[in-house]
Amino acid sequence: MLSDSYEQEQEELREKLLRLDKEINEQEEQAENIDRFISKVKKYLDLDELTPAVLNDMVKAVYVHTPDKSSGHREQQIDISYDLVGILPMSLLESL
């Protein structure tokens, strides 16, 4: 009986270790992607004109949502998915 609970605990710890290792790897990859994205952004700090080349380098996808007229005037949400980092929260973009 005691060995059964010990073996079960060991198995749970192995599974937890695997999950944590996976999470650490994902966090490290995300940090690397953010660093690469920041390097890309720095290349375009003094940009005078948005060219197709710059747009293709920085933007992965643009999502245009269905218009909403429930408030009495037309509003339409647009999300931009940036290369390496995905969709950035509007609160982050507004603080820049």
N, C-alpha and C. Protein backbone atom coordinates (compact mmCIF):
# COMPACT_ATOMS: atom_id res chain seq x y z
N MET A 1 0.81 -1.20 0.00
CA MET A 1 0.00 0.00 0.00
C MET A 1 0.86 1.27 0.00
N LEU A 2 1.84 1.30 0.88
CA LEU A 2 2.69 2.48 0.96
C LEU A 2 3.48 2.66 -0.33
N SER A 3 3.95 1.55 -0.90
CA SER A 3 4.71 1.65 -2.15
C SER A 3 3.82 2.10 -3.31
N ASP A 4 2.54 1.73 -3.28
CA ASP A 4 1.62 2.17 -4.32
C ASP A 4 1.46 3.68 -4.30
N SER A 5 1.28 4.26 -3.12
CA SER A 5 1.12 5.71 -3.04
C SER A 5 2.42 6.41 -3.40
N TYR A 6 3.56 5.80 -3.03
CA TYR A 6 4.86 6.36 -3.39
C TYR A 6 5.03 6.37 -4.91
N GLU A 7 4.71 5.27 -5.57
CA GLU A 7 4.84 5.18 -7.02
C GLU A 7 3.88 6.14 -7.71
N GLN A 8 2.69 6.29 -7.17
CA GLN A 8 1.72 7.23 -7.74
C GLN A 8 2.24 8.66 -7.61
N GLU A 9 2.79 8.98 -6.45
CA GLU A 9 3.34 10.32 -6.24
C GLU A 9 4.51 10.57 -7.19
N GLN A 10 5.36 9.58 -7.39
CA GLN A 10 6.50 9.72 -8.30
C GLN A 10 6.01 9.96 -9.74
N GLU A 11 4.98 9.25 -10.14
CA GLU A 11 4.43 9.44 -11.48
C GLU A 11 3.84 10.84 -11.64
N GLU A 12 3.13 11.31 -10.62
CA GLU A 12 2.57 12.67 -10.65
C GLU A 12 3.68 13.70 -10.74
N LEU A 13 4.77 13.47 -10.00
CA LEU A 13 5.90 14.41 -10.04
C LEU A 13 6.58 14.40 -11.40
N ARG A 14 6.70 13.23 -12.02
CA ARG A 14 7.28 13.15 -13.38
C ARG A 14 6.43 13.93 -14.38
N GLU A 15 5.10 13.76 -14.28
CA GLU A 15 4.20 14.47 -15.18
C GLU A 15 4.29 15.98 -14.95
N LYS A 16 4.36 16.37 -13.70
CA LYS A 16 4.47 17.80 -13.38
C LYS A 16 5.78 18.36 -13.92
N LEU A 17 6.86 17.59 -13.78
CA LEU A 17 8.16 18.02 -14.29
C LEU A 17 8.11 18.21 -15.81
N LEU A 18 7.47 17.28 -16.51
CA LEU A 18 7.35 17.40 -17.96
C LEU A 18 6.55 18.64 -18.35
N ARG A 19 5.46 18.90 -17.63
CA ARG A 19 4.64 20.10 -17.91
C ARG A 19 5.44 21.37 -17.67
N LEU A 20 6.19 21.39 -16.57
CA LEU A 20 6.98 22.58 -16.24
C LEU A 20 8.11 22.79 -17.25
N ASP A 21 8.75 21.70 -17.67
CA ASP A 21 9.80 21.82 -18.69
C ASP A 21 9.22 22.38 -19.99
N LYS A 22 8.06 21.90 -20.37
CA LYS A 22 7.42 22.38 -21.59
C LYS A 22 7.08 23.87 -21.45
N GLU A 23 6.56 24.26 -20.29
CA GLU A 23 6.22 25.67 -20.07
C GLU A 23 7.46 26.56 -20.10
N ILE A 24 8.55 26.08 -19.51
CA ILE A 24 9.81 26.84 -19.53
C ILE A 24 10.29 27.02 -20.96
N ASN A 25 10.25 25.96 -21.75
CA ASN A 25 10.68 26.04 -23.15
C ASN A 25 9.82 27.03 -23.94
N GLU A 26 8.50 27.01 -23.70
CA GLU A 26 7.61 27.94 -24.38
C GLU A 26 7.91 29.38 -23.98
N GLN A 27 8.18 29.60 -22.68
CA GLN A 27 8.50 30.95 -22.20
C GLN A 27 9.82 31.45 -22.80
N GLU A 28 10.81 30.56 -22.88
CA GLU A 28 12.10 30.95 -23.46
C GLU A 28 11.95 31.27 -24.95
N GLU A 29 11.16 30.48 -25.66
CA GLU A 29 10.93 30.73 -27.08
C GLU A 29 10.20 32.06 -27.28
N GLN A 30 9.22 32.32 -26.41
CA GLN A 30 8.48 33.58 -26.50
C GLN A 30 9.42 34.77 -26.24
N ALA A 31 10.30 34.63 -25.27
CA ALA A 31 11.25 35.71 -24.97
C ALA A 31 12.18 35.96 -26.16
N GLU A 32 12.64 34.88 -26.79
CA GLU A 32 13.49 35.03 -27.98
C GLU A 32 12.74 35.72 -29.11
N ASN A 33 11.48 35.34 -29.31
CA ASN A 33 10.67 35.97 -30.36
C ASN A 33 10.47 37.45 -30.09
N ILE A 34 10.25 37.80 -28.84
CA ILE A 34 10.08 39.22 -28.49
C ILE A 34 11.36 39.98 -28.77
N ASP A 35 12.51 39.41 -28.42
CA ASP A 35 13.79 40.07 -28.71
C ASP A 35 13.99 40.26 -30.21
N ARG A 36 13.65 39.23 -30.99
CA ARG A 36 13.78 39.36 -32.46
C ARG A 36 12.83 40.40 -33.01
N PHE A 37 11.60 40.46 -32.46
CA PHE A 37 10.63 41.46 -32.91
C PHE A 37 11.12 42.87 -32.58
N ILE A 38 11.67 43.06 -31.41
CA ILE A 38 12.21 44.37 -31.02
C ILE A 38 13.33 44.78 -31.96
N SER A 39 14.17 43.83 -32.34
CA SER A 39 15.25 44.14 -33.29
C SER A 39 14.68 44.58 -34.64
N LYS A 40 13.60 43.91 -35.07
CA LYS A 40 12.95 44.31 -36.33
C LYS A 40 12.38 45.72 -36.22
N VAL A 41 11.72 46.00 -35.11
CA VAL A 41 11.11 47.32 -34.92
C VAL A 41 12.17 48.41 -34.95
N LYS A 42 13.30 48.14 -34.34
CA LYS A 42 14.38 49.15 -34.30
C LYS A 42 14.87 49.50 -35.70
N LYS A 43 14.80 48.55 -36.65
CA LYS A 43 15.21 48.84 -38.02
C LYS A 43 14.33 49.91 -38.66
N TYR A 44 13.09 50.00 -38.20
CA TYR A 44 12.11 50.87 -38.85
C TYR A 44 11.74 52.09 -38.02
N LEU A 45 12.54 52.46 -37.04
CA LEU A 45 12.20 53.60 -36.19
C LEU A 45 12.11 54.92 -36.95
N ASP A 46 12.98 55.12 -37.91
CA ASP A 46 13.01 56.37 -38.67
C ASP A 46 12.32 56.23 -40.02
N LEU A 47 11.29 55.44 -40.06
CA LEU A 47 10.57 55.15 -41.31
C LEU A 47 9.78 56.38 -41.76
N ASP A 48 9.98 56.76 -43.01
CA ASP A 48 9.23 57.88 -43.58
C ASP A 48 8.00 57.41 -44.34
N GLU A 49 8.07 56.18 -44.84
CA GLU A 49 7.00 55.68 -45.69
C GLU A 49 6.81 54.19 -45.43
N LEU A 50 5.56 53.77 -45.32
CA LEU A 50 5.25 52.36 -45.14
C LEU A 50 5.24 51.70 -46.51
N THR A 51 6.20 50.83 -46.74
CA THR A 51 6.32 50.15 -48.03
C THR A 51 5.79 48.72 -47.91
N PRO A 52 5.47 48.11 -49.04
CA PRO A 52 5.05 46.70 -48.98
C PRO A 52 6.09 45.79 -48.33
N ALA A 53 7.37 46.07 -48.54
CA ALA A 53 8.43 45.25 -47.96
C ALA A 53 8.41 45.34 -46.43
N VAL A 54 8.23 46.54 -45.91
CA VAL A 54 8.17 46.73 -44.45
C VAL A 54 6.93 46.03 -43.90
N LEU A 55 5.82 46.23 -44.55
CA LEU A 55 4.57 45.61 -44.12
C LEU A 55 4.68 44.09 -44.11
N ASN A 56 5.26 43.51 -45.16
CA ASN A 56 5.43 42.06 -45.22
C ASN A 56 6.40 41.56 -44.16
N ASP A 57 7.37 42.36 -43.80
CA ASP A 57 8.34 41.97 -42.79
C ASP A 57 7.76 42.01 -41.38
N MET A 58 6.88 42.96 -41.12
CA MET A 58 6.37 43.18 -39.77
C MET A 58 5.02 42.53 -39.47
N VAL A 59 4.16 42.41 -40.46
CA VAL A 59 2.78 41.98 -40.22
C VAL A 59 2.57 40.56 -40.75
N LYS A 60 2.01 39.73 -39.90
CA LYS A 60 1.71 38.35 -40.29
C LYS A 60 0.31 38.25 -40.89
N ALA A 61 -0.68 38.95 -40.28
CA ALA A 61 -2.06 38.90 -40.77
C ALA A 61 -2.84 40.10 -40.25
N VAL A 62 -3.89 40.46 -40.98
CA VAL A 62 -4.81 41.52 -40.56
C VAL A 62 -6.21 40.91 -40.53
N TYR A 63 -6.88 41.04 -39.38
CA TYR A 63 -8.23 40.49 -39.21
C TYR A 63 -9.22 41.63 -39.11
N VAL A 64 -10.14 41.69 -40.06
CA VAL A 64 -11.18 42.72 -40.07
C VAL A 64 -12.49 42.05 -39.65
N HIS A 65 -13.04 42.50 -38.52
CA HIS A 65 -14.24 41.89 -37.96
C HIS A 65 -15.50 42.52 -38.56
N THR A 66 -16.62 41.88 -38.34
CA THR A 66 -17.91 42.35 -38.82
C THR A 66 -18.25 43.70 -38.16
N PRO A 67 -18.77 44.65 -38.91
CA PRO A 67 -19.14 45.94 -38.32
C PRO A 67 -20.23 45.78 -37.25
N ASP A 68 -20.14 46.64 -36.23
CA ASP A 68 -21.13 46.65 -35.15
C ASP A 68 -21.85 47.99 -35.18
N LYS A 69 -23.18 47.96 -35.33
CA LYS A 69 -23.96 49.19 -35.39
C LYS A 69 -24.89 49.32 -34.19
N SER A 70 -24.69 48.49 -33.16
CA SER A 70 -25.60 48.47 -32.01
C SER A 70 -25.58 49.77 -31.21
N SER A 71 -24.50 50.52 -31.26
CA SER A 71 -24.41 51.76 -30.49
C SER A 71 -24.99 52.96 -31.24
N GLY A 72 -25.49 52.74 -32.44
CA GLY A 72 -26.06 53.83 -33.21
C GLY A 72 -25.11 54.33 -34.29
N HIS A 73 -23.85 54.06 -34.14
CA HIS A 73 -22.91 54.39 -35.20
C HIS A 73 -22.03 53.17 -35.48
N ARG A 74 -21.50 53.13 -36.64
CA ARG A 74 -20.76 51.95 -37.11
C ARG A 74 -19.38 51.90 -36.49
N GLU A 75 -19.08 50.75 -35.87
CA GLU A 75 -17.74 50.51 -35.34
C GLU A 75 -17.25 49.18 -35.90
N GLN A 76 -15.97 49.12 -36.20
CA GLN A 76 -15.42 47.89 -36.76
C GLN A 76 -14.06 47.62 -36.13
N GLN A 77 -13.92 46.43 -35.59
CA GLN A 77 -12.67 46.05 -34.95
C GLN A 77 -11.71 45.48 -35.98
N ILE A 78 -10.45 45.90 -35.87
CA ILE A 78 -9.40 45.39 -36.74
C ILE A 78 -8.25 44.93 -35.84
N ASP A 79 -7.81 43.70 -36.01
CA ASP A 79 -6.69 43.17 -35.25
C ASP A 79 -5.53 42.93 -36.20
N ILE A 80 -4.34 43.33 -35.77
CA ILE A 80 -3.14 43.12 -36.57
C ILE A 80 -2.27 42.10 -35.83
N SER A 81 -1.96 41.01 -36.51
CA SER A 81 -1.07 39.99 -35.95
C SER A 81 0.33 40.26 -36.48
N TYR A 82 1.22 40.64 -35.57
CA TYR A 82 2.59 40.98 -35.95
C TYR A 82 3.44 39.72 -36.01
N ASP A 83 4.42 39.71 -36.88
CA ASP A 83 5.33 38.59 -37.00
C ASP A 83 6.06 38.37 -35.67
N LEU A 84 6.18 37.16 -35.25
CA LEU A 84 6.89 36.70 -34.06
C LEU A 84 6.15 36.91 -32.74
N VAL A 85 5.24 37.88 -32.65
CA VAL A 85 4.59 38.15 -31.35
C VAL A 85 3.07 38.05 -31.38
N GLY A 86 2.48 37.97 -32.55
CA GLY A 86 1.02 37.84 -32.63
C GLY A 86 0.30 39.16 -32.45
N ILE A 87 -0.93 39.08 -31.95
CA ILE A 87 -1.76 40.27 -31.75
C ILE A 87 -1.39 40.92 -30.42
N LEU A 88 -1.00 42.17 -30.48
CA LEU A 88 -0.65 42.90 -29.26
C LEU A 88 -1.89 43.56 -28.68
N PRO A 89 -2.03 43.56 -27.34
CA PRO A 89 -3.21 44.18 -26.72
C PRO A 89 -3.25 45.69 -27.00
N MET A 90 -4.44 46.21 -27.23
CA MET A 90 -4.60 47.63 -27.54
C MET A 90 -4.06 48.50 -26.40
N SER A 91 -4.22 48.06 -25.15
CA SER A 91 -3.73 48.85 -24.02
C SER A 91 -2.21 49.04 -24.10
N LEU A 92 -1.50 48.03 -24.59
CA LEU A 92 -0.05 48.14 -24.75
C LEU A 92 0.29 49.13 -25.86
N LEU A 93 -0.44 49.07 -26.96
CA LEU A 93 -0.18 49.97 -28.08
C LEU A 93 -0.52 51.41 -27.77
N GLU A 94 -1.57 51.63 -26.98
CA GLU A 94 -1.98 52.99 -26.64
C GLU A 94 -0.98 53.65 -25.70
N SER A 95 -0.25 52.85 -24.90
CA SER A 95 0.70 53.42 -23.94
C SER A 95 2.00 53.86 -24.60
N LEU A 96 2.18 53.53 -25.89
CA LEU A 96 3.42 53.91 -26.57
C LEU A 96 3.41 55.31 -26.96
